[in-house]
């Protein structure tokens, strides 16, 4: 069995700048990258009681792991043991009028079965927010990475896993400018650039941007109302076409207290998609299974309802989040512009030296092009995941970690359901003595 070791650094943040503030619900158009969906910190742990402002935490881990199958179309159904080695650094610094966070996580995975491809999971996130004066403030953000086999199992909130690709790459970067006109009324303008890439021969990556204008009105210390208009453009590789999306929506945020927040939003998006996409289909050459491709033209316009709701609660040793909704995304490289119906959540409980965390999600991706749906004999893909993780601090610096993950992609077109069960356990190092849950 092969064993490879890499030295990696990572940093985490309590909240990525891509994530909306408590006064703003997520827009009905997302880029399909991890930063666009409700998710916990990209850092080493959900055990928030161990982390505070102005901290730096270095950590490393080595895990033994077992996968039940390769989680892609045509992947091996034989199980295999492997190793997962990596580490990182969590950093957060608060100035008088600014906040800086930096996150980099990386690891290398290698298996003893040649049917499994080794590779890296990496994530880099940087945010900088600054109050310029009494009325103006700004935030810069960037988030990018590589995920082996489509999605990190320790973060169940990534909906855009490609069923054929063993590696997904993504980038999202942007800026937000906010203006506080009165104590209650504020405005903001934002711009976001993104790209998604996959690594199988007929993959169709996406590149694009989203611009938005928002107005927020605080009714009282608990309730804020918002209205947003956004324009989005998606461009696809392989000359597969493009999409333009205009959306408008309203949202309301209610703070029950400093620990519990409820947010709801609703609106609609008008999408115009046209081009010629490539649909992989199963074929046979000399009696052997082979991947074939058909070209399908599409030209679709229409309105898509968009909505979102989330509830979060956090107090020292306990955290809970749940979110559900429907957004428009650039798809997953198989289906292009699509609507994504989702439900996800996380829960975490910490003790003096340990933490138990769990997270899961369900995603229903539906192509907006009727011709593509007809050619693929489906038009939709269902996927879901669940992760349960336990971390324990043995002494000041060293600890133990164990976890279980399940991922399933439903059948679509002529392709059958495939799934994976993953078990991990190993040793951890943390300069702050944090029980790593590796979300």
Protein backbone atom coordinates (compact mmCIF):
# COMPACT_ATOMS: atom_id res chain seq x y z
CA UNK A 1 0.00 0.00 0.00
CA UNK A 2 1.38 3.37 -0.97
CA UNK A 3 1.85 6.17 1.55
CA UNK A 4 2.58 9.76 0.57
CA UNK A 5 3.09 12.65 2.96
CA UNK A 6 2.63 16.31 2.16
CA UNK A 7 3.00 19.32 4.41
CA UNK A 8 -0.01 21.62 4.16
CA UNK A 9 -1.19 24.78 5.88
CA UNK A 10 -4.75 25.90 6.38
CA UNK A 11 -6.57 28.80 7.91
CA UNK A 12 -10.17 29.23 8.93
CA UNK A 13 -12.64 32.01 9.52
CA UNK A 14 -15.81 32.30 11.49
CA UNK A 15 -17.69 33.40 8.39
CA UNK A 16 -16.60 33.88 4.79
CA UNK A 17 -17.30 37.28 3.30
CA UNK A 18 -19.21 35.57 0.49
CA UNK A 19 -21.80 34.61 3.03
CA UNK A 20 -24.53 37.21 3.48
CA UNK A 21 -24.74 39.12 6.72
CA UNK A 22 -27.60 38.52 9.10
CA UNK A 23 -29.41 41.42 7.47
CA UNK A 24 -29.24 39.95 3.97
CA UNK A 25 -30.65 36.68 2.69
CA UNK A 26 -28.72 34.84 -0.03
CA UNK A 27 -29.68 35.90 -3.57
CA UNK A 28 -31.74 33.54 -5.76
CA UNK A 29 -28.73 33.05 -8.07
CA UNK A 30 -25.62 31.25 -6.85
CA UNK A 31 -22.32 30.34 -8.48
CA UNK A 32 -22.41 26.71 -7.50
CA UNK A 33 -19.30 27.05 -5.35
CA UNK A 34 -19.12 26.09 -1.64
CA UNK A 35 -19.15 29.71 -0.51
CA UNK A 36 -22.62 30.25 -1.94
CA UNK A 37 -24.45 27.89 0.34
CA UNK A 38 -25.08 27.91 4.07
CA UNK A 39 -22.11 26.15 5.59
CA UNK A 40 -19.98 26.21 8.72
CA UNK A 41 -16.53 27.66 8.87
CA UNK A 42 -14.03 26.34 6.36
CA UNK A 43 -11.68 25.75 9.27
CA UNK A 44 -10.57 22.80 11.33
CA UNK A 45 -13.49 22.43 13.71
CA UNK A 46 -17.10 23.26 14.51
CA UNK A 47 -16.11 23.50 18.18
CA UNK A 48 -16.51 27.28 18.32
CA UNK A 49 -16.00 27.48 22.09
CA UNK A 50 -12.28 26.82 21.52
CA UNK A 51 -11.90 29.65 19.02
CA UNK A 52 -12.07 33.39 19.65
CA UNK A 53 -11.18 36.69 18.04
CA UNK A 54 -7.52 37.35 17.26
CA UNK A 55 -6.34 33.77 17.20
CA UNK A 56 -3.97 31.59 15.20
CA UNK A 57 -4.25 27.81 15.31
CA UNK A 58 -1.85 25.49 13.48
CA UNK A 59 -2.92 21.91 13.06
CA UNK A 60 -2.06 18.67 11.27
CA UNK A 61 -3.62 15.24 10.94
CA UNK A 62 -3.00 11.75 9.57
CA UNK A 63 -5.92 9.39 9.02
CA UNK A 64 -6.48 5.85 7.93
CA UNK A 65 -9.58 5.67 5.75
CA UNK A 66 -11.76 3.13 3.98
CA UNK A 67 -14.05 3.83 1.04
CA UNK A 68 -16.73 1.39 -0.07
CA UNK A 69 -16.55 2.45 -3.74
CA UNK A 70 -15.25 5.16 -6.08
CA UNK A 71 -17.97 7.88 -6.03
CA UNK A 72 -18.13 8.64 -9.79
CA UNK A 73 -19.93 7.11 -12.79
CA UNK A 74 -18.08 3.96 -13.80
CA UNK A 75 -16.00 3.91 -10.60
CA UNK A 76 -14.90 0.70 -8.93
CA UNK A 77 -17.42 -0.88 -6.57
CA UNK A 78 -14.64 -2.62 -4.62
CA UNK A 79 -13.68 -1.11 -1.30
CA UNK A 80 -10.17 0.12 -0.52
CA UNK A 81 -8.10 1.32 2.41
CA UNK A 82 -6.04 4.47 2.09
CA UNK A 83 -4.33 7.33 3.91
CA UNK A 84 -5.27 10.97 4.28
CA UNK A 85 -2.52 13.38 5.42
CA UNK A 86 -2.63 17.14 5.75
CA UNK A 87 -2.90 20.15 8.01
CA UNK A 88 -3.51 23.83 8.22
CA UNK A 89 -3.70 27.08 10.10
CA UNK A 90 -6.75 29.00 11.34
CA UNK A 91 -6.24 32.77 11.49
CA UNK A 92 -8.48 35.66 12.51
CA UNK A 93 -7.38 39.20 13.43
CA UNK A 94 -9.59 42.12 14.49
CA UNK A 95 -8.40 45.71 14.11
CA UNK A 96 -10.25 48.78 15.37
CA UNK A 97 -12.06 49.28 12.03
CA UNK A 98 -11.21 46.12 10.08
CA UNK A 99 -11.26 42.33 10.18
CA UNK A 100 -8.86 40.03 8.32
CA UNK A 101 -9.25 36.27 8.00
CA UNK A 102 -7.24 33.80 5.97
CA UNK A 103 -7.95 30.14 5.42
CA UNK A 104 -5.90 27.51 3.68
CA UNK A 105 -6.48 23.80 4.12
CA UNK A 106 -4.84 20.99 2.20
CA UNK A 107 -4.40 17.25 2.33
CA UNK A 108 -3.28 14.40 0.13
CA UNK A 109 -5.21 11.14 -0.20
CA UNK A 110 -3.72 7.89 -1.50
CA UNK A 111 -5.27 4.42 -1.78
CA UNK A 112 -3.89 0.89 -1.90
CA UNK A 113 -6.19 0.02 -4.84
CA UNK A 114 -5.16 1.21 -8.31
CA UNK A 115 -8.84 1.66 -9.19
CA UNK A 116 -8.82 4.66 -6.84
CA UNK A 117 -7.01 7.77 -7.95
CA UNK A 118 -5.01 9.67 -5.35
CA UNK A 119 -5.07 13.44 -5.19
CA UNK A 120 -5.51 16.57 -3.13
CA UNK A 121 -8.31 18.42 -1.39
CA UNK A 122 -7.44 22.09 -0.98
CA UNK A 123 -9.28 25.23 0.02
CA UNK A 124 -8.03 28.82 0.20
CA UNK A 125 -10.25 31.61 1.54
CA UNK A 126 -9.38 35.22 2.31
CA UNK A 127 -11.65 38.00 3.57
CA UNK A 128 -11.00 41.62 4.42
CA UNK A 129 -13.74 43.90 5.74
CA UNK A 130 -13.16 47.57 6.56
CA UNK A 131 -15.27 50.45 7.89
CA UNK A 132 -14.05 53.36 5.77
CA UNK A 133 -15.93 56.08 7.65
CA UNK A 134 -19.23 56.60 9.47
CA UNK A 135 -21.24 55.82 6.31
CA UNK A 136 -19.11 53.66 4.01
CA UNK A 137 -17.78 50.14 4.50
CA UNK A 138 -16.34 47.50 2.17
CA UNK A 139 -15.53 43.80 2.07
CA UNK A 140 -13.24 41.84 -0.24
CA UNK A 141 -13.32 38.08 -0.51
CA UNK A 142 -11.88 35.19 -2.46
CA UNK A 143 -12.45 31.45 -2.13
CA UNK A 144 -10.97 28.69 -4.28
CA UNK A 145 -9.90 25.11 -4.18
CA UNK A 146 -9.77 21.58 -5.49
CA UNK A 147 -11.96 18.71 -4.33
CA UNK A 148 -11.15 15.08 -5.08
CA UNK A 149 -14.23 13.15 -6.26
CA UNK A 150 -16.41 16.21 -6.49
CA UNK A 151 -17.01 17.28 -2.90
CA UNK A 152 -15.43 17.15 0.55
CA UNK A 153 -17.45 14.73 2.66
CA UNK A 154 -16.72 16.77 5.78
CA UNK A 155 -18.64 19.69 4.19
CA UNK A 156 -22.01 18.38 3.01
CA UNK A 157 -23.07 21.71 1.53
CA UNK A 158 -21.47 21.51 -1.93
CA UNK A 159 -24.28 20.86 -4.44
CA UNK A 160 -22.34 20.98 -7.72
CA UNK A 161 -20.54 17.59 -7.69
CA UNK A 162 -20.09 16.28 -11.23
CA UNK A 163 -21.03 12.58 -11.57
CA UNK A 164 -18.21 11.86 -14.09
CA UNK A 165 -15.37 13.98 -12.70
CA UNK A 166 -12.84 12.72 -10.16
CA UNK A 167 -11.67 16.28 -9.50
CA UNK A 168 -13.57 19.58 -9.24
CA UNK A 169 -11.87 22.99 -9.20
CA UNK A 170 -13.61 26.23 -8.24
CA UNK A 171 -12.94 29.92 -7.64
CA UNK A 172 -15.17 32.71 -6.36
CA UNK A 173 -13.99 36.28 -5.74
CA UNK A 174 -15.69 39.63 -5.29
CA UNK A 175 -16.29 42.91 -3.50
CA UNK A 176 -19.15 44.49 -1.54
CA UNK A 177 -19.61 48.24 -0.91
CA UNK A 178 -22.17 49.40 1.68
CA UNK A 179 -23.54 52.85 2.45
CA UNK A 180 -25.35 53.67 5.71
CA UNK A 181 -27.72 56.54 4.85
CA UNK A 182 -29.54 56.67 8.19
CA UNK A 183 -29.55 54.66 11.38
CA UNK A 184 -32.18 52.37 9.82
CA UNK A 185 -31.61 52.57 6.05
CA UNK A 186 -28.56 51.23 4.15
CA UNK A 187 -27.64 50.27 0.60
CA UNK A 188 -25.08 47.90 -0.87
CA UNK A 189 -23.65 47.03 -4.28
CA UNK A 190 -21.67 43.86 -4.95
CA UNK A 191 -19.82 42.08 -7.74
CA UNK A 192 -18.74 38.44 -7.87
CA UNK A 193 -16.58 36.54 -10.38
CA UNK A 194 -16.54 32.72 -10.41
CA UNK A 195 -15.43 29.65 -12.32
CA UNK A 196 -15.97 25.88 -12.02
CA UNK A 197 -13.84 23.23 -13.77
CA UNK A 198 -13.97 19.42 -14.09
CA UNK A 199 -11.45 16.88 -15.38
CA UNK A 200 -13.19 14.34 -17.64
CA UNK A 201 -12.83 14.68 -21.46
CA UNK A 202 -16.25 16.14 -22.27
CA UNK A 203 -16.61 18.29 -19.16
CA UNK A 204 -18.19 21.70 -19.59
CA UNK A 205 -16.83 24.19 -17.08
CA UNK A 206 -18.51 27.51 -16.32
CA UNK A 207 -17.23 31.07 -15.90
CA UNK A 208 -19.29 34.10 -15.03
CA UNK A 209 -20.23 36.92 -12.73
CA UNK A 210 -23.04 38.27 -10.59
CA UNK A 211 -23.78 41.93 -9.82
CA UNK A 212 -26.36 42.98 -7.22
CA UNK A 213 -27.97 46.08 -5.69
CA UNK A 214 -29.66 45.89 -2.29
CA UNK A 215 -31.59 48.16 0.07
CA UNK A 216 -31.95 47.25 3.76
CA UNK A 217 -34.29 48.79 6.31
CA UNK A 218 -34.07 47.97 10.02
CA UNK A 219 -37.54 48.14 11.53
CA UNK A 220 -36.25 47.63 15.07
CA UNK A 221 -33.38 45.93 16.87
CA UNK A 222 -34.77 42.51 15.93
CA UNK A 223 -36.23 42.86 12.43
CA UNK A 224 -34.66 43.91 9.10
CA UNK A 225 -36.31 43.99 5.67
CA UNK A 226 -34.35 43.90 2.40
CA UNK A 227 -34.91 44.11 -1.34
CA UNK A 228 -32.38 43.01 -3.98
CA UNK A 229 -32.00 43.06 -7.77
CA UNK A 230 -29.21 41.10 -9.45
CA UNK A 231 -27.92 40.36 -12.94
CA UNK A 232 -25.92 37.21 -13.68
CA UNK A 233 -24.06 35.86 -16.70
CA UNK A 234 -22.85 32.27 -17.14
CA UNK A 235 -20.50 31.25 -19.99
CA UNK A 236 -19.72 27.60 -20.73
CA UNK A 237 -16.71 25.78 -22.17
CA UNK A 238 -16.77 23.60 -25.32
CA UNK A 239 -18.77 26.40 -27.06
CA UNK A 240 -21.77 25.12 -25.14
CA UNK A 241 -23.52 28.49 -24.89
CA UNK A 242 -24.40 30.98 -22.19
CA UNK A 243 -27.12 32.13 -19.81
CA UNK A 244 -28.30 35.53 -18.61
CA UNK A 245 -30.34 35.73 -15.43
CA UNK A 246 -32.18 38.73 -13.89
CA UNK A 247 -33.64 38.27 -10.45
CA UNK A 248 -35.52 40.24 -7.84
CA UNK A 249 -36.44 39.21 -4.32
CA UNK A 250 -37.40 40.43 -0.85
CA UNK A 251 -36.18 39.13 2.48
CA UNK A 252 -36.78 39.47 6.19
CA UNK A 253 -34.44 38.68 9.08
CA UNK A 254 -35.57 38.30 12.68
CA UNK A 255 -33.20 38.04 15.65
CA UNK A 256 -34.83 36.24 18.55
CA UNK A 257 -31.73 37.09 20.60
CA UNK A 258 -27.98 37.33 20.07
CA UNK A 259 -27.79 33.55 19.64
CA UNK A 260 -30.75 32.74 17.36
CA UNK A 261 -31.59 34.20 13.93
CA UNK A 262 -34.32 33.39 11.41
CA UNK A 263 -34.10 34.54 7.78
CA UNK A 264 -36.61 34.07 4.94
CA UNK A 265 -36.67 35.37 1.38
CA UNK A 266 -38.69 34.96 -1.80
CA UNK A 267 -38.65 36.20 -5.35
CA UNK A 268 -38.14 35.11 -8.93
CA UNK A 269 -35.43 34.85 -11.55
CA UNK A 270 -35.85 35.27 -15.32
CA UNK A 271 -33.37 33.11 -17.23
CA UNK A 272 -32.40 33.17 -20.91
CA UNK A 273 -30.22 30.18 -21.89
CA UNK A 274 -29.04 29.22 -25.35
CA UNK A 275 -26.32 27.13 -26.95
CA UNK A 276 -25.39 23.54 -27.74
CA UNK A 277 -24.37 21.26 -24.91
CA UNK A 278 -22.69 17.84 -24.80
CA UNK A 279 -24.54 15.01 -23.05
CA UNK A 280 -22.48 11.91 -22.13
CA UNK A 281 -24.43 8.69 -22.68
CA UNK A 282 -23.57 5.03 -22.18
CA UNK A 283 -22.70 3.14 -25.37
CA UNK A 284 -20.92 -0.03 -26.46
CA UNK A 285 -17.94 -0.67 -28.74
CA UNK A 286 -17.33 -4.33 -29.66
CA UNK A 287 -19.61 -5.32 -26.84
CA UNK A 288 -17.69 -3.29 -24.25
CA UNK A 289 -19.18 -0.32 -22.33
CA UNK A 290 -18.01 3.04 -23.67
CA UNK A 291 -18.78 6.71 -23.09
CA UNK A 292 -20.46 8.43 -26.05
CA UNK A 293 -21.51 12.05 -26.46
CA UNK A 294 -24.49 13.62 -28.21
CA UNK A 295 -24.82 17.32 -29.05
CA UNK A 296 -28.09 18.92 -27.98
CA UNK A 297 -29.08 22.47 -28.99
CA UNK A 298 -31.16 24.49 -26.52
CA UNK A 299 -32.82 27.91 -26.38
CA UNK A 300 -34.97 28.46 -23.31
CA UNK A 301 -36.42 31.46 -21.48
CA UNK A 302 -38.68 31.57 -18.47
CA UNK A 303 -39.32 32.55 -14.87
CA UNK A 304 -38.07 30.43 -11.98
CA UNK A 305 -39.39 30.90 -8.44
CA UNK A 306 -36.60 31.41 -5.92
CA UNK A 307 -36.84 31.18 -2.14
CA UNK A 308 -34.67 30.60 0.90
CA UNK A 309 -35.10 30.07 4.61
CA UNK A 310 -32.55 29.52 7.36
CA UNK A 311 -32.46 29.18 11.13
CA UNK A 312 -29.24 29.35 13.15
CA UNK A 313 -28.54 29.01 16.85
CA UNK A 314 -25.18 29.12 18.57
CA UNK A 315 -24.13 29.48 22.16
CA UNK A 316 -20.64 28.50 23.30
CA UNK A 317 -20.78 24.68 23.35
CA UNK A 318 -23.72 24.17 21.00
CA UNK A 319 -24.32 25.15 17.37
CA UNK A 320 -27.22 24.38 15.06
CA UNK A 321 -28.03 25.52 11.52
CA UNK A 322 -30.64 24.45 8.99
CA UNK A 323 -31.43 25.94 5.58
CA UNK A 324 -33.69 25.14 2.63
CA UNK A 325 -34.55 26.82 -0.64
CA UNK A 326 -34.30 26.98 -4.40
CA UNK A 327 -31.68 28.90 -6.41
CA UNK A 328 -30.48 29.16 -10.01
CA UNK A 329 -26.94 27.83 -10.60
CA UNK A 330 -24.62 27.30 -13.61
CA UNK A 331 -25.09 23.57 -13.09
CA UNK A 332 -22.55 20.82 -12.52
CA UNK A 333 -20.84 20.39 -15.90
CA UNK A 334 -23.37 17.75 -17.00
CA UNK A 335 -26.54 19.82 -16.76
CA UNK A 336 -25.75 23.48 -17.35
CA UNK A 337 -27.94 26.34 -16.06
CA UNK A 338 -30.22 24.65 -13.54
CA UNK A 339 -32.45 25.26 -10.58
CA UNK A 340 -31.21 23.69 -7.36
CA UNK A 341 -33.68 22.66 -4.65
CA UNK A 342 -31.77 22.00 -1.43
CA UNK A 343 -32.01 21.21 2.26
CA UNK A 344 -28.95 21.12 4.52
CA UNK A 345 -27.89 21.56 8.11
CA UNK A 346 -25.22 21.08 10.77
CA UNK A 347 -25.21 20.42 14.49
CA UNK A 348 -22.28 20.52 16.92
CA UNK A 349 -21.90 19.85 20.65
CA UNK A 350 -18.68 20.43 22.58
CA UNK A 351 -17.43 19.36 25.97
CA UNK A 352 -14.27 20.23 27.87
CA UNK A 353 -11.97 18.13 25.67
CA UNK A 354 -14.17 16.76 22.89
CA UNK A 355 -16.66 17.62 20.16
CA UNK A 356 -19.33 15.71 18.24
CA UNK A 357 -20.53 17.22 14.97
CA UNK A 358 -22.85 16.13 12.19
CA UNK A 359 -23.87 17.64 8.88
CA UNK A 360 -25.94 16.59 5.92
CA UNK A 361 -27.64 17.83 2.80
CA UNK A 362 -30.00 16.91 -0.03
CA UNK A 363 -29.87 18.51 -3.49
CA UNK A 364 -32.19 18.23 -6.50
CA UNK A 365 -30.62 19.74 -9.62
CA UNK A 366 -32.97 20.28 -12.60
CA UNK A 367 -31.85 21.48 -16.06
CA UNK A 368 -33.69 24.57 -17.30
CA UNK A 369 -33.48 23.33 -20.93
CA UNK A 370 -36.32 21.00 -21.96
CA UNK A 371 -34.34 19.68 -24.95
CA UNK A 372 -31.47 18.68 -22.68
CA UNK A 373 -33.87 16.96 -20.30
CA UNK A 374 -35.40 15.00 -23.20
CA UNK A 375 -32.01 13.97 -24.63
CA UNK A 376 -30.70 12.80 -21.26
CA UNK A 377 -34.00 10.99 -20.50
CA UNK A 378 -34.11 12.63 -17.11
CA UNK A 379 -33.28 16.32 -16.73
CA UNK A 380 -32.55 16.09 -13.02
CA UNK A 381 -30.02 14.68 -10.57
CA UNK A 382 -30.57 13.97 -6.88
CA UNK A 383 -27.69 13.75 -4.43
CA UNK A 384 -27.29 13.62 -0.69
CA UNK A 385 -24.63 13.27 1.97
CA UNK A 386 -24.24 12.79 5.71
CA UNK A 387 -21.15 13.18 7.90
CA UNK A 388 -20.73 12.40 11.61
CA UNK A 389 -17.43 13.34 13.26
CA UNK A 390 -15.86 13.01 16.71
CA UNK A 391 -12.75 14.80 18.00
CA UNK A 392 -11.00 14.32 21.35
CA UNK A 393 -8.02 16.19 22.86
CA UNK A 394 -5.62 13.68 24.42
CA UNK A 395 -3.23 16.29 25.85
CA UNK A 396 -2.24 19.90 25.24
CA UNK A 397 -1.39 19.44 21.55
CA UNK A 398 -2.44 15.98 20.38
CA UNK A 399 -5.81 14.43 19.80
CA UNK A 400 -7.85 11.72 18.13
CA UNK A 401 -10.38 11.97 15.34
CA UNK A 402 -12.93 9.54 13.91
CA UNK A 403 -15.67 10.04 11.35
CA UNK A 404 -18.22 8.41 9.08
CA UNK A 405 -19.49 9.82 5.78
CA UNK A 406 -22.14 8.67 3.33
CA UNK A 407 -22.67 10.04 -0.17
CA UNK A 408 -25.30 9.01 -2.71
CA UNK A 409 -26.06 10.17 -6.25
CA UNK A 410 -29.45 9.10 -7.58
CA UNK A 411 -30.06 7.51 -10.97
CA UNK A 412 -30.50 9.80 -13.99
CA UNK A 413 -30.93 9.09 -17.69
CA UNK A 414 -29.36 5.70 -18.44
CA UNK A 415 -27.07 5.85 -15.40
CA UNK A 416 -27.72 3.95 -12.19
CA UNK A 417 -27.46 5.12 -8.60
CA UNK A 418 -23.99 5.09 -7.05
CA UNK A 419 -22.96 5.64 -3.44
CA UNK A 420 -19.98 5.57 -1.09
CA UNK A 421 -19.47 4.87 2.59
CA UNK A 422 -16.30 6.30 4.11
CA UNK A 423 -14.77 5.64 7.53
CA UNK A 424 -11.81 7.69 8.83
CA UNK A 425 -9.83 7.64 12.07
CA UNK A 426 -6.46 9.01 13.06
CA UNK A 427 -4.30 11.33 15.14
CA UNK A 428 -4.35 15.13 15.16
CA UNK A 429 -2.10 17.99 16.27
CA UNK A 430 -3.45 21.44 17.24
CA UNK A 431 -1.46 24.34 18.66
CA UNK A 432 -4.60 25.54 20.51
CA UNK A 433 -5.66 22.13 21.79
CA UNK A 434 -8.81 22.05 19.63
CA UNK A 435 -10.71 18.79 19.00
CA UNK A 436 -10.62 18.61 15.20
CA UNK A 437 -13.85 17.59 13.49
CA UNK A 438 -12.42 18.20 9.99
CA UNK A 439 -15.53 19.81 8.53
